[in-house]
N, C-alpha and C. Protein backbone atom coordinates (compact mmCIF):
# COMPACT_ATOMS: atom_id res chain seq x y z
N MET A 1 0.85 -1.20 0.00
CA MET A 1 0.00 0.00 0.00
C MET A 1 0.88 1.25 0.00
N ASN A 2 1.89 1.23 0.83
CA ASN A 2 2.76 2.40 0.93
C ASN A 2 3.54 2.63 -0.36
N SER A 3 3.99 1.54 -0.99
CA SER A 3 4.77 1.69 -2.22
C SER A 3 3.88 2.19 -3.37
N ALA A 4 2.61 1.77 -3.37
CA ALA A 4 1.69 2.25 -4.40
C ALA A 4 1.47 3.75 -4.26
N PHE A 5 1.32 4.19 -3.01
CA PHE A 5 1.15 5.62 -2.75
C PHE A 5 2.40 6.39 -3.19
N ALA A 6 3.56 5.81 -2.92
CA ALA A 6 4.82 6.45 -3.30
C ALA A 6 4.93 6.53 -4.82
N ASN A 7 4.48 5.50 -5.52
CA ASN A 7 4.52 5.52 -6.99
C ASN A 7 3.61 6.60 -7.56
N VAL A 8 2.42 6.73 -6.99
CA VAL A 8 1.49 7.76 -7.46
C VAL A 8 2.08 9.15 -7.21
N LEU A 9 2.66 9.32 -6.04
CA LEU A 9 3.27 10.61 -5.69
C LEU A 9 4.41 10.91 -6.64
N ASN A 10 5.20 9.90 -6.97
CA ASN A 10 6.33 10.07 -7.87
C ASN A 10 5.84 10.47 -9.25
N LEU A 11 4.76 9.84 -9.71
CA LEU A 11 4.20 10.17 -11.02
C LEU A 11 3.73 11.62 -11.07
N LYS A 12 3.06 12.03 -10.00
CA LYS A 12 2.56 13.41 -9.96
C LYS A 12 3.72 14.40 -9.98
N VAL A 13 4.79 14.08 -9.27
CA VAL A 13 5.94 14.97 -9.22
C VAL A 13 6.60 15.05 -10.59
N LYS A 14 6.66 13.91 -11.29
CA LYS A 14 7.28 13.91 -12.62
C LYS A 14 6.40 14.62 -13.64
N ARG A 15 5.09 14.53 -13.46
CA ARG A 15 4.18 15.09 -14.46
C ARG A 15 4.05 16.60 -14.33
N ALA A 16 4.21 17.14 -13.13
CA ALA A 16 4.00 18.57 -12.90
C ALA A 16 4.87 19.46 -13.79
N PRO A 17 6.18 19.20 -13.91
CA PRO A 17 6.99 20.06 -14.79
C PRO A 17 6.56 19.98 -16.25
N LYS A 18 6.11 18.81 -16.70
CA LYS A 18 5.64 18.69 -18.09
C LYS A 18 4.43 19.58 -18.31
N ILE A 19 3.51 19.59 -17.35
CA ILE A 19 2.31 20.42 -17.48
C ILE A 19 2.71 21.89 -17.49
N ALA A 20 3.63 22.26 -16.62
CA ALA A 20 4.07 23.66 -16.55
C ALA A 20 4.75 24.07 -17.85
N ILE A 21 5.59 23.21 -18.39
CA ILE A 21 6.28 23.51 -19.65
C ILE A 21 5.27 23.62 -20.79
N THR A 22 4.30 22.71 -20.81
CA THR A 22 3.28 22.75 -21.86
C THR A 22 2.47 24.03 -21.78
N LEU A 23 2.07 24.41 -20.58
CA LEU A 23 1.30 25.65 -20.41
C LEU A 23 2.11 26.86 -20.85
N ALA A 24 3.37 26.90 -20.45
CA ALA A 24 4.22 28.04 -20.79
C ALA A 24 4.43 28.13 -22.29
N SER A 25 4.71 26.99 -22.92
CA SER A 25 4.98 27.02 -24.35
C SER A 25 3.72 27.36 -25.15
N SER A 26 2.57 26.84 -24.72
CA SER A 26 1.34 27.15 -25.45
C SER A 26 0.96 28.62 -25.27
N THR A 27 1.21 29.16 -24.08
CA THR A 27 0.93 30.57 -23.85
C THR A 27 1.83 31.44 -24.73
N PHE A 28 3.10 31.08 -24.79
CA PHE A 28 4.04 31.82 -25.63
C PHE A 28 3.66 31.72 -27.10
N PHE A 29 3.23 30.52 -27.52
CA PHE A 29 2.84 30.30 -28.91
C PHE A 29 1.63 31.17 -29.27
N LEU A 30 0.64 31.20 -28.37
CA LEU A 30 -0.54 32.02 -28.63
C LEU A 30 -0.17 33.50 -28.65
N TYR A 31 0.74 33.91 -27.78
CA TYR A 31 1.19 35.30 -27.76
C TYR A 31 1.90 35.65 -29.07
N ALA A 32 2.76 34.73 -29.54
CA ALA A 32 3.48 34.96 -30.80
C ALA A 32 2.48 35.03 -31.96
N LEU A 33 1.47 34.17 -31.94
CA LEU A 33 0.45 34.20 -32.99
C LEU A 33 -0.29 35.54 -32.98
N GLY A 34 -0.57 36.02 -31.78
CA GLY A 34 -1.28 37.29 -31.65
C GLY A 34 -0.47 38.45 -32.18
N GLN A 35 0.86 38.32 -32.16
CA GLN A 35 1.72 39.40 -32.64
C GLN A 35 1.85 39.41 -34.15
N ALA A 36 1.52 38.29 -34.80
CA ALA A 36 1.68 38.20 -36.25
C ALA A 36 0.58 39.01 -36.95
N PRO A 37 0.94 39.94 -37.81
CA PRO A 37 -0.06 40.78 -38.47
C PRO A 37 -1.00 39.99 -39.38
N ILE A 38 -0.51 38.91 -39.97
CA ILE A 38 -1.35 38.11 -40.86
C ILE A 38 -2.50 37.50 -40.06
N ILE A 39 -2.16 36.95 -38.90
CA ILE A 39 -3.18 36.33 -38.05
C ILE A 39 -4.18 37.39 -37.60
N LYS A 40 -3.68 38.59 -37.27
CA LYS A 40 -4.57 39.66 -36.84
C LYS A 40 -5.55 40.02 -37.94
N ASN A 41 -5.06 40.08 -39.17
CA ASN A 41 -5.93 40.41 -40.30
C ASN A 41 -6.98 39.34 -40.52
N ILE A 42 -6.58 38.07 -40.43
CA ILE A 42 -7.52 36.97 -40.62
C ILE A 42 -8.60 37.02 -39.54
N LEU A 43 -8.17 37.23 -38.29
CA LEU A 43 -9.13 37.28 -37.20
C LEU A 43 -10.06 38.47 -37.34
N ALA A 44 -9.49 39.62 -37.72
CA ALA A 44 -10.32 40.82 -37.88
C ALA A 44 -11.34 40.60 -39.00
N GLY A 45 -10.91 39.98 -40.07
CA GLY A 45 -11.82 39.72 -41.18
C GLY A 45 -12.90 38.73 -40.78
N ALA A 46 -12.53 37.71 -40.02
CA ALA A 46 -13.48 36.68 -39.61
C ALA A 46 -14.54 37.28 -38.70
N PHE A 47 -14.14 38.16 -37.79
CA PHE A 47 -15.09 38.69 -36.83
C PHE A 47 -15.90 39.84 -37.42
N SER A 48 -15.37 40.55 -38.41
CA SER A 48 -16.10 41.66 -38.99
C SER A 48 -17.18 41.18 -39.96
N CYS A 49 -17.01 39.97 -40.49
CA CYS A 49 -17.99 39.44 -41.44
C CYS A 49 -19.29 39.04 -40.74
N SER A 50 -19.24 38.80 -39.44
CA SER A 50 -20.41 38.29 -38.74
C SER A 50 -21.54 39.31 -38.73
N GLY A 51 -21.22 40.60 -38.79
CA GLY A 51 -22.25 41.61 -38.77
C GLY A 51 -22.81 41.80 -40.13
């Protein structure tokens, strides 16, 4: 029982940095996409057509 708990704890500890890295990289990717003028134009065109 104790070793199973230790294994689960170990998995959670190993997984946490992966989640943090994934969140950071996806946030940076979205920020970079937002800075691209082409993407801004596409988004502006997509949202302006709805009216």
